[in-house]
Amino acid sequence: MMKPVSLAIASLAGAALVASCSSSKKTEGSSSPPASSSATTTLSSAELRQEVGAAMQAARLFHLRGNATDDAGKPIKFDIHFGPHRAAGSITQSGSELDLINPGGASVYFKAPDSVWKQQGGDAAVALFHDRWVKVPANDKRFAELVTSFAKESFIAELTSDDSDAGDLRKIGDATVDGMPAVEYESSDHTHIYVAASGSPVLLKIVKSGSDSGTITFSDYNKPYPFQPPPAEQTIDFAKLEQR
């Protein structure tokens, strides 16, 4: 049962985050964005991707929230705190929520929707795993795709990759996102991208209109977050289940 379950969960997470990325494309301390900027300069889309990608990779932590639409037109919601080799948050797709906590140690914890357990093990699996966290080794290759789906580095790489010829971005002008000064750009597919105007040129918001509409916000840059494992009494050790 282990391999199909891991693939199903990884697919759920991966598809959701890739969809959120594609909809946006066509050090612990202060909660302010990290420092120095050329974000207000008019840039080509490739130049902006490179500059923003570097700034966000340099940021140790940030909080991602938003909604998007997958290729089938179904809504996706996500709320994830990203850190260096750490993550904690949730993805909700077609009404099913997947939660993950990666504290940065030897173990990763996830909570899968009943629909996954029902598909993989029937009512018995649902009864066993319902609303329970599952503990797996962080280096278990069967769950590598799941861990990567919630990894800061891979998310930013996907978000800022160039898989289409978007051309130059049109600079709209100064804006404000949650009280923070920003520069607003618009792409040819009418996606609006808000980049921090002071400090490092990190993303603050992406808004996509149309049939595949969505909004993604980025906040709490370098603001400490605990990334704590779930309580032991709410956790099932999957490795021990395999030994039964």
C-alpha atoms as a PDB file:
ATOM      1  CA  MET A   1       0.000   0.000   0.000  1.00  0.00           C
ATOM      2  CA  MET A   2       2.898   2.378   0.710  1.00  0.00           C
ATOM      3  CA  LYS A   3       3.978   3.127  -2.842  1.00  0.00           C
ATOM      4  CA  PRO A   4       0.521   3.879  -4.297  1.00  0.00           C
ATOM      5  CA  VAL A   5      -0.319   6.056  -1.299  1.00  0.00           C
ATOM      6  CA  SER A   6       2.877   8.080  -1.629  1.00  0.00           C
ATOM      7  CA  LEU A   7       2.286   8.603  -5.345  1.00  0.00           C
ATOM      8  CA  ALA A   8      -1.313   9.648  -4.822  1.00  0.00           C
ATOM      9  CA  ILE A   9      -0.377  12.181  -2.150  1.00  0.00           C
ATOM     10  CA  ALA A  10       2.583  13.545  -4.110  1.00  0.00           C
ATOM     11  CA  SER A  11       0.407  13.896  -7.182  1.00  0.00           C
ATOM     12  CA  LEU A  12      -2.198  15.859  -5.228  1.00  0.00           C
ATOM     13  CA  ALA A  13       0.405  18.252  -3.857  1.00  0.00           C
ATOM     14  CA  GLY A  14       2.472  18.532  -7.014  1.00  0.00           C
ATOM     15  CA  ALA A  15      -0.457  19.166  -9.328  1.00  0.00           C
ATOM     16  CA  ALA A  16      -1.804  21.892  -7.070  1.00  0.00           C
ATOM     17  CA  LEU A  17       1.431  23.832  -6.764  1.00  0.00           C
ATOM     18  CA  VAL A  18       2.316  23.468 -10.437  1.00  0.00           C
ATOM     19  CA  ALA A  19      -1.151  24.788 -11.302  1.00  0.00           C
ATOM     20  CA  SER A  20      -0.645  27.771  -9.027  1.00  0.00           C
ATOM     21  CA  CYS A  21       2.701  28.468 -10.674  1.00  0.00           C
ATOM     22  CA  SER A  22       1.412  28.157 -14.227  1.00  0.00           C
ATOM     23  CA  SER A  23      -1.504  30.455 -13.451  1.00  0.00           C
ATOM     24  CA  SER A  24       0.981  33.160 -12.513  1.00  0.00           C
ATOM     25  CA  LYS A  25       3.282  32.741 -15.522  1.00  0.00           C
ATOM     26  CA  LYS A  26       1.362  33.017 -19.224  1.00  0.00           C
ATOM     27  CA  THR A  27      17.270  34.863   7.862  1.00  0.00           C
ATOM     28  CA  GLU A  28      15.054  35.026  10.434  1.00  0.00           C
ATOM     29  CA  GLY A  29      14.461  38.452  11.852  1.00  0.00           C
ATOM     30  CA  SER A  30      12.251  41.324  10.757  1.00  0.00           C
ATOM     31  CA  SER A  31       9.000  40.679   8.934  1.00  0.00           C
ATOM     32  CA  SER A  32      10.035  43.242   6.271  1.00  0.00           C
ATOM     33  CA  PRO A  33      11.398  42.055   2.926  1.00  0.00           C
ATOM     34  CA  PRO A  34      15.144  41.438   2.964  1.00  0.00           C
ATOM     35  CA  ALA A  35      17.597  44.701   1.342  1.00  0.00           C
ATOM     36  CA  SER A  36      18.589  46.769  -2.098  1.00  0.00           C
ATOM     37  CA  SER A  37      16.511  47.075  -5.172  1.00  0.00           C
ATOM     38  CA  SER A  38      16.292  47.778  -8.832  1.00  0.00           C
ATOM     39  CA  ALA A  39      12.697  46.594  -8.816  1.00  0.00           C
ATOM     40  CA  THR A  40      11.404  49.949 -10.038  1.00  0.00           C
ATOM     41  CA  THR A  41      13.396  49.694 -13.308  1.00  0.00           C
ATOM     42  CA  THR A  42      11.496  48.645 -16.426  1.00  0.00           C
ATOM     43  CA  LEU A  43      12.584  45.062 -17.125  1.00  0.00           C
ATOM     44  CA  SER A  44      11.904  42.323 -19.625  1.00  0.00           C
ATOM     45  CA  SER A  45      10.009  39.338 -18.227  1.00  0.00           C
ATOM     46  CA  ALA A  46      13.226  37.279 -18.262  1.00  0.00           C
ATOM     47  CA  GLU A  47      15.126  39.955 -16.352  1.00  0.00           C
ATOM     48  CA  LEU A  48      12.349  40.321 -13.797  1.00  0.00           C
ATOM     49  CA  ARG A  49      12.130  36.549 -13.292  1.00  0.00           C
ATOM     50  CA  GLN A  50      15.872  36.368 -12.719  1.00  0.00           C
ATOM     51  CA  GLU A  51      15.958  39.282 -10.282  1.00  0.00           C
ATOM     52  CA  VAL A  52      12.861  38.218  -8.343  1.00  0.00           C
ATOM     53  CA  GLY A  53      13.924  34.561  -8.272  1.00  0.00           C
ATOM     54  CA  ALA A  54      17.300  35.451  -6.789  1.00  0.00           C
ATOM     55  CA  ALA A  55      15.701  37.729  -4.187  1.00  0.00           C
ATOM     56  CA  MET A  56      13.200  35.090  -3.094  1.00  0.00           C
ATOM     57  CA  GLN A  57      15.775  32.322  -2.916  1.00  0.00           C
ATOM     58  CA  ALA A  58      17.822  34.633  -0.671  1.00  0.00           C
ATOM     59  CA  ALA A  59      14.840  35.190   1.643  1.00  0.00           C
ATOM     60  CA  ARG A  60      14.994  32.613   4.403  1.00  0.00           C
ATOM     61  CA  LEU A  61      11.260  32.448   5.106  1.00  0.00           C
ATOM     62  CA  PHE A  62       7.982  33.639   3.643  1.00  0.00           C
ATOM     63  CA  HIS A  63       4.265  32.884   3.786  1.00  0.00           C
ATOM     64  CA  LEU A  64       2.337  31.927   0.650  1.00  0.00           C
ATOM     65  CA  ARG A  65      -1.452  32.153   0.490  1.00  0.00           C
ATOM     66  CA  GLY A  66      -3.777  32.078  -2.443  1.00  0.00           C
ATOM     67  CA  ASN A  67      -6.107  30.400  -4.820  1.00  0.00           C
ATOM     68  CA  ALA A  68      -5.777  29.210  -8.387  1.00  0.00           C
ATOM     69  CA  THR A  69      -7.484  27.054 -10.994  1.00  0.00           C
ATOM     70  CA  ASP A  70      -6.113  23.749 -12.256  1.00  0.00           C
ATOM     71  CA  ASP A  71      -6.111  22.571 -15.874  1.00  0.00           C
ATOM     72  CA  ALA A  72      -9.554  21.031 -15.381  1.00  0.00           C
ATOM     73  CA  GLY A  73     -10.977  24.328 -14.170  1.00  0.00           C
ATOM     74  CA  LYS A  74     -11.233  23.198 -10.549  1.00  0.00           C
ATOM     75  CA  PRO A  75     -10.297  25.553  -7.704  1.00  0.00           C
ATOM     76  CA  ILE A  76      -7.190  25.150  -5.572  1.00  0.00           C
ATOM     77  CA  LYS A  77      -6.377  26.908  -2.311  1.00  0.00           C
ATOM     78  CA  PHE A  78      -3.073  26.914  -0.446  1.00  0.00           C
ATOM     79  CA  ASP A  79      -1.590  28.343   2.735  1.00  0.00           C
ATOM     80  CA  ILE A  80       2.068  27.450   3.213  1.00  0.00           C
ATOM     81  CA  HIS A  81       4.951  28.776   5.305  1.00  0.00           C
ATOM     82  CA  PHE A  82       8.259  28.172   3.535  1.00  0.00           C
ATOM     83  CA  GLY A  83      11.653  28.061   5.252  1.00  0.00           C
ATOM     84  CA  PRO A  84      15.146  26.741   4.519  1.00  0.00           C
ATOM     85  CA  HIS A  85      14.524  23.016   3.985  1.00  0.00           C
ATOM     86  CA  ARG A  86      11.359  23.402   6.072  1.00  0.00           C
ATOM     87  CA  ALA A  87       7.687  23.893   5.309  1.00  0.00           C
ATOM     88  CA  ALA A  88       4.286  23.803   6.962  1.00  0.00           C
ATOM     89  CA  GLY A  89       0.910  24.314   5.413  1.00  0.00           C
ATOM     90  CA  SER A  90      -2.000  22.992   3.428  1.00  0.00           C
ATOM     91  CA  ILE A  91      -3.258  22.560  -0.120  1.00  0.00           C
ATOM     92  CA  THR A  92      -6.961  22.134  -0.797  1.00  0.00           C
ATOM     93  CA  GLN A  93      -7.949  20.728  -4.166  1.00  0.00           C
ATOM     94  CA  SER A  94     -11.483  19.723  -5.181  1.00  0.00           C
ATOM     95  CA  GLY A  95     -12.516  20.058  -1.541  1.00  0.00           C
ATOM     96  CA  SER A  96      -9.793  17.708  -0.255  1.00  0.00           C
ATOM     97  CA  GLU A  97      -7.160  19.184   2.045  1.00  0.00           C
ATOM     98  CA  LEU A  98      -3.604  17.884   2.262  1.00  0.00           C
ATOM     99  CA  ASP A  99      -1.461  19.127   5.171  1.00  0.00           C
ATOM    100  CA  LEU A 100       2.286  18.807   5.585  1.00  0.00           C
ATOM    101  CA  ILE A 101       4.847  19.736   8.222  1.00  0.00           C
ATOM    102  CA  ASN A 102       8.543  19.440   7.446  1.00  0.00           C
ATOM    103  CA  PRO A 103      10.382  20.556  10.610  1.00  0.00           C
ATOM    104  CA  GLY A 104      13.757  20.204   8.897  1.00  0.00           C
ATOM    105  CA  GLY A 105      14.798  17.080  10.775  1.00  0.00           C
ATOM    106  CA  ALA A 106      14.744  13.340  10.178  1.00  0.00           C
ATOM    107  CA  SER A 107      10.968  13.093   9.760  1.00  0.00           C
ATOM    108  CA  VAL A 108       8.207  14.675   7.698  1.00  0.00           C
ATOM    109  CA  TYR A 109       4.540  14.661   8.694  1.00  0.00           C
ATOM    110  CA  PHE A 110       1.493  14.768   6.454  1.00  0.00           C
ATOM    111  CA  LYS A 111      -2.256  14.484   6.834  1.00  0.00           C
ATOM    112  CA  ALA A 112      -4.053  13.174   3.749  1.00  0.00           C
ATOM    113  CA  PRO A 113      -7.755  13.511   2.896  1.00  0.00           C
ATOM    114  CA  ASP A 114     -10.062  10.559   3.502  1.00  0.00           C
ATOM    115  CA  SER A 115     -10.497  10.209  -0.261  1.00  0.00           C
ATOM    116  CA  VAL A 116      -6.852   9.134  -0.598  1.00  0.00           C
ATOM    117  CA  TRP A 117      -7.098   6.561   2.178  1.00  0.00           C
ATOM    118  CA  LYS A 118     -10.434   5.323   0.850  1.00  0.00           C
ATOM    119  CA  GLN A 119      -8.928   4.760  -2.571  1.00  0.00           C
ATOM    120  CA  GLN A 120      -5.854   3.008  -1.221  1.00  0.00           C
ATOM    121  CA  GLY A 121      -7.196   0.963   1.684  1.00  0.00           C
ATOM    122  CA  GLY A 122     -10.967   1.250   1.880  1.00  0.00           C
ATOM    123  CA  ASP A 123     -12.940   1.954   5.041  1.00  0.00           C
ATOM    124  CA  ALA A 124     -10.294   0.363   7.274  1.00  0.00           C
ATOM    125  CA  ALA A 125      -7.644   2.827   6.085  1.00  0.00           C
ATOM    126  CA  VAL A 126     -10.020   5.756   6.528  1.00  0.00           C
ATOM    127  CA  ALA A 127     -10.775   4.653  10.088  1.00  0.00           C
ATOM    128  CA  LEU A 128      -7.072   4.330  10.874  1.00  0.00           C
ATOM    129  CA  PHE A 129      -5.794   7.532   9.287  1.00  0.00           C
ATOM    130  CA  HIS A 130      -8.761   9.916   9.494  1.00  0.00           C
ATOM    131  CA  ASP A 131      -7.575  13.280  10.848  1.00  0.00           C
ATOM    132  CA  ARG A 132      -4.242  11.735  11.864  1.00  0.00           C
ATOM    133  CA  TRP A 133      -0.754  12.887  10.976  1.00  0.00           C
ATOM    134  CA  VAL A 134       1.462  10.295   9.318  1.00  0.00           C
ATOM    135  CA  LYS A 135       5.167  10.346  10.152  1.00  0.00           C
ATOM    136  CA  VAL A 136       7.623   9.230   7.444  1.00  0.00           C
ATOM    137  CA  PRO A 137      11.426   9.453   7.160  1.00  0.00           C
ATOM    138  CA  ALA A 138      12.482  12.653   5.416  1.00  0.00           C
ATOM    139  CA  ASN A 139      14.891  10.692   3.222  1.00  0.00           C
ATOM    140  CA  ASP A 140      12.329   8.066   2.140  1.00  0.00           C
ATOM    141  CA  LYS A 141      12.507   8.200  -1.653  1.00  0.00           C
ATOM    142  CA  ARG A 142       8.891   7.089  -1.916  1.00  0.00           C
ATOM    143  CA  PHE A 143       7.858  10.446  -0.466  1.00  0.00           C
ATOM    144  CA  ALA A 144      10.497  12.570  -2.197  1.00  0.00           C
ATOM    145  CA  GLU A 145       7.969  14.067  -4.622  1.00  0.00           C
ATOM    146  CA  LEU A 146       5.666  15.035  -1.774  1.00  0.00           C
ATOM    147  CA  VAL A 147       8.484  16.744   0.152  1.00  0.00           C
ATOM    148  CA  THR A 148       9.685  18.514  -2.999  1.00  0.00           C
ATOM    149  CA  SER A 149       6.164  19.784  -3.699  1.00  0.00           C
ATOM    150  CA  PHE A 150       6.328  21.710  -0.408  1.00  0.00           C
ATOM    151  CA  ALA A 151       9.980  22.803  -0.776  1.00  0.00           C
ATOM    152  CA  LYS A 152      10.777  26.508  -0.969  1.00  0.00           C
ATOM    153  CA  GLU A 153      13.562  26.053  -3.492  1.00  0.00           C
ATOM    154  CA  SER A 154      11.574  23.975  -5.972  1.00  0.00           C
ATOM    155  CA  PHE A 155       8.497  26.192  -5.645  1.00  0.00           C
ATOM    156  CA  ILE A 156      10.456  29.341  -6.492  1.00  0.00           C
ATOM    157  CA  ALA A 157      12.257  27.592  -9.363  1.00  0.00           C
ATOM    158  CA  GLU A 158       8.901  26.546 -10.839  1.00  0.00           C
ATOM    159  CA  LEU A 159       7.323  29.935 -10.228  1.00  0.00           C
ATOM    160  CA  THR A 160      10.120  31.855 -11.965  1.00  0.00           C
ATOM    161  CA  SER A 161      10.968  29.382 -14.742  1.00  0.00           C
ATOM    162  CA  ASP A 162      10.677  30.479 -18.343  1.00  0.00           C
ATOM    163  CA  ASP A 163       8.507  27.980 -20.220  1.00  0.00           C
ATOM    164  CA  SER A 164       6.910  30.488 -22.542  1.00  0.00           C
ATOM    165  CA  ASP A 165       7.793  33.614 -24.475  1.00  0.00           C
ATOM    166  CA  ALA A 166       6.006  36.161 -22.337  1.00  0.00           C
ATOM    167  CA  GLY A 167       7.791  39.150 -23.891  1.00  0.00           C
ATOM    168  CA  ASP A 168       8.323  42.368 -22.003  1.00  0.00           C
ATOM    169  CA  LEU A 169       6.185  43.268 -19.016  1.00  0.00           C
ATOM    170  CA  ARG A 170       4.365  46.571 -18.950  1.00  0.00           C
ATOM    171  CA  LYS A 171       5.146  48.628 -15.885  1.00  0.00           C
ATOM    172  CA  ILE A 172       1.859  49.976 -14.491  1.00  0.00           C
ATOM    173  CA  GLY A 173       3.419  52.042 -11.716  1.00  0.00           C
ATOM    174  CA  ASP A 174       3.517  52.388  -7.957  1.00  0.00           C
ATOM    175  CA  ALA A 175       1.102  50.370  -5.822  1.00  0.00           C
ATOM    176  CA  THR A 176       0.571  49.184  -2.266  1.00  0.00           C
ATOM    177  CA  VAL A 177       0.115  45.590  -1.108  1.00  0.00           C
ATOM    178  CA  ASP A 178      -1.003  45.160   2.503  1.00  0.00           C
ATOM    179  CA  GLY A 179       0.553  48.484   3.385  1.00  0.00           C
ATOM    180  CA  MET A 180       3.866  47.769   1.648  1.00  0.00           C
ATOM    181  CA  PRO A 181       5.125  49.848  -1.300  1.00  0.00           C
ATOM    182  CA  ALA A 182       5.208  47.889  -4.548  1.00  0.00           C
ATOM    183  CA  VAL A 183       5.736  48.198  -8.276  1.00  0.00           C
ATOM    184  CA  GLU A 184       2.956  46.753 -10.420  1.00  0.00           C
ATOM    185  CA  TYR A 185       3.648  45.029 -13.741  1.00  0.00           C
ATOM    186  CA  GLU A 186       1.241  43.516 -16.249  1.00  0.00           C
ATOM    187  CA  SER A 187       2.009  40.631 -18.614  1.00  0.00           C
ATOM    188  CA  SER A 188       0.526  40.063 -22.054  1.00  0.00           C
ATOM    189  CA  ASP A 189      -2.024  37.625 -20.576  1.00  0.00           C
ATOM    190  CA  HIS A 190      -3.170  40.329 -18.125  1.00  0.00           C
ATOM    191  CA  THR A 191      -1.470  38.818 -15.096  1.00  0.00           C
ATOM    192  CA  HIS A 192      -0.618  41.562 -12.608  1.00  0.00           C
ATOM    193  CA  ILE A 193       2.634  41.100 -10.690  1.00  0.00           C
ATOM    194  CA  TYR A 194       3.457  43.186  -7.624  1.00  0.00           C
ATOM    195  CA  VAL A 195       7.128  43.396  -6.629  1.00  0.00           C
ATOM    196  CA  ALA A 196       8.481  45.053  -3.489  1.00  0.00           C
ATOM    197  CA  ALA A 197       9.576  48.624  -4.254  1.00  0.00           C
ATOM    198  CA  SER A 198      11.940  48.887  -1.285  1.00  0.00           C
ATOM    199  CA  GLY A 199      14.356  46.337   0.020  1.00  0.00           C
ATOM    200  CA  SER A 200      14.953  43.207  -2.009  1.00  0.00           C
ATOM    201  CA  PRO A 201      12.674  42.806  -5.085  1.00  0.00           C
ATOM    202  CA  VAL A 202      10.599  39.955  -3.716  1.00  0.00           C
ATOM    203  CA  LEU A 203       7.085  39.103  -4.870  1.00  0.00           C
ATOM    204  CA  LEU A 204       4.186  40.530  -2.897  1.00  0.00           C
ATOM    205  CA  LYS A 205       1.206  39.498  -5.009  1.00  0.00           C
ATOM    206  CA  ILE A 206       0.218  37.906  -8.313  1.00  0.00           C
ATOM    207  CA  VAL A 207      -3.280  38.329  -9.728  1.00  0.00           C
ATOM    208  CA  LYS A 208      -4.481  36.383 -12.771  1.00  0.00           C
ATOM    209  CA  SER A 209      -7.813  37.135 -14.409  1.00  0.00           C
ATOM    210  CA  GLY A 210      -9.879  35.145 -16.863  1.00  0.00           C
ATOM    211  CA  SER A 211     -11.094  31.539 -16.847  1.00  0.00           C
ATOM    212  CA  ASP A 212      -7.961  30.390 -14.999  1.00  0.00           C
ATOM    213  CA  SER A 213      -8.061  33.249 -12.508  1.00  0.00           C
ATOM    214  CA  GLY A 214      -6.274  33.245  -9.182  1.00  0.00           C
ATOM    215  CA  THR A 215      -4.532  35.373  -6.582  1.00  0.00           C
ATOM    216  CA  ILE A 216      -1.313  34.555  -4.738  1.00  0.00           C
ATOM    217  CA  THR A 217       0.079  36.682  -1.905  1.00  0.00           C
ATOM    218  CA  PHE A 218       3.542  36.539  -0.370  1.00  0.00           C
ATOM    219  CA  SER A 219       4.161  37.927   3.112  1.00  0.00           C
ATOM    220  CA  ASP A 220       6.028  37.525   6.412  1.00  0.00           C
ATOM    221  CA  TYR A 221       9.420  37.615   4.726  1.00  0.00           C
ATOM    222  CA  ASN A 222      12.075  36.431   7.200  1.00  0.00           C
ATOM    223  CA  LYS A 223       9.530  36.382  10.014  1.00  0.00           C
ATOM    224  CA  PRO A 224      10.267  33.435  12.361  1.00  0.00           C
ATOM    225  CA  TYR A 225       7.902  30.478  12.163  1.00  0.00           C
ATOM    226  CA  PRO A 226       8.056  27.453  14.517  1.00  0.00           C
ATOM    227  CA  PHE A 227       7.697  24.503  12.046  1.00  0.00           C
ATOM    228  CA  GLN A 228       6.807  22.285  15.007  1.00  0.00           C
ATOM    229  CA  PRO A 229       5.928  18.570  14.578  1.00  0.00           C
ATOM    230  CA  PRO A 230       2.331  17.650  15.417  1.00  0.00           C
ATOM    231  CA  PRO A 231       1.532  16.174  18.862  1.00  0.00           C
ATOM    232  CA  ALA A 232       2.639  12.554  19.245  1.00  0.00           C
ATOM    233  CA  GLU A 233      -0.867  11.441  20.225  1.00  0.00           C
ATOM    234  CA  GLN A 234      -2.145  12.659  16.832  1.00  0.00           C
ATOM    235  CA  THR A 235       0.590  10.910  14.873  1.00  0.00           C
ATOM    236  CA  ILE A 236       0.979   7.482  13.287  1.00  0.00           C
ATOM    237  CA  ASP A 237       4.478   6.227  12.468  1.00  0.00           C
ATOM    238  CA  PHE A 238       4.160   4.700   9.022  1.00  0.00           C
ATOM    239  CA  ALA A 239       7.495   2.881   9.352  1.00  0.00           C
ATOM    240  CA  LYS A 240       6.188   0.956  12.348  1.00  0.00           C
ATOM    241  CA  LEU A 241       3.022   0.041  10.443  1.00  0.00           C
ATOM    242  CA  GLU A 242       5.154  -1.529   7.727  1.00  0.00           C
ATOM    243  CA  GLN A 243       6.824  -3.751  10.297  1.00  0.00           C
ATOM    244  CA  ARG A 244       3.528  -5.308  11.402  1.00  0.00           C
END
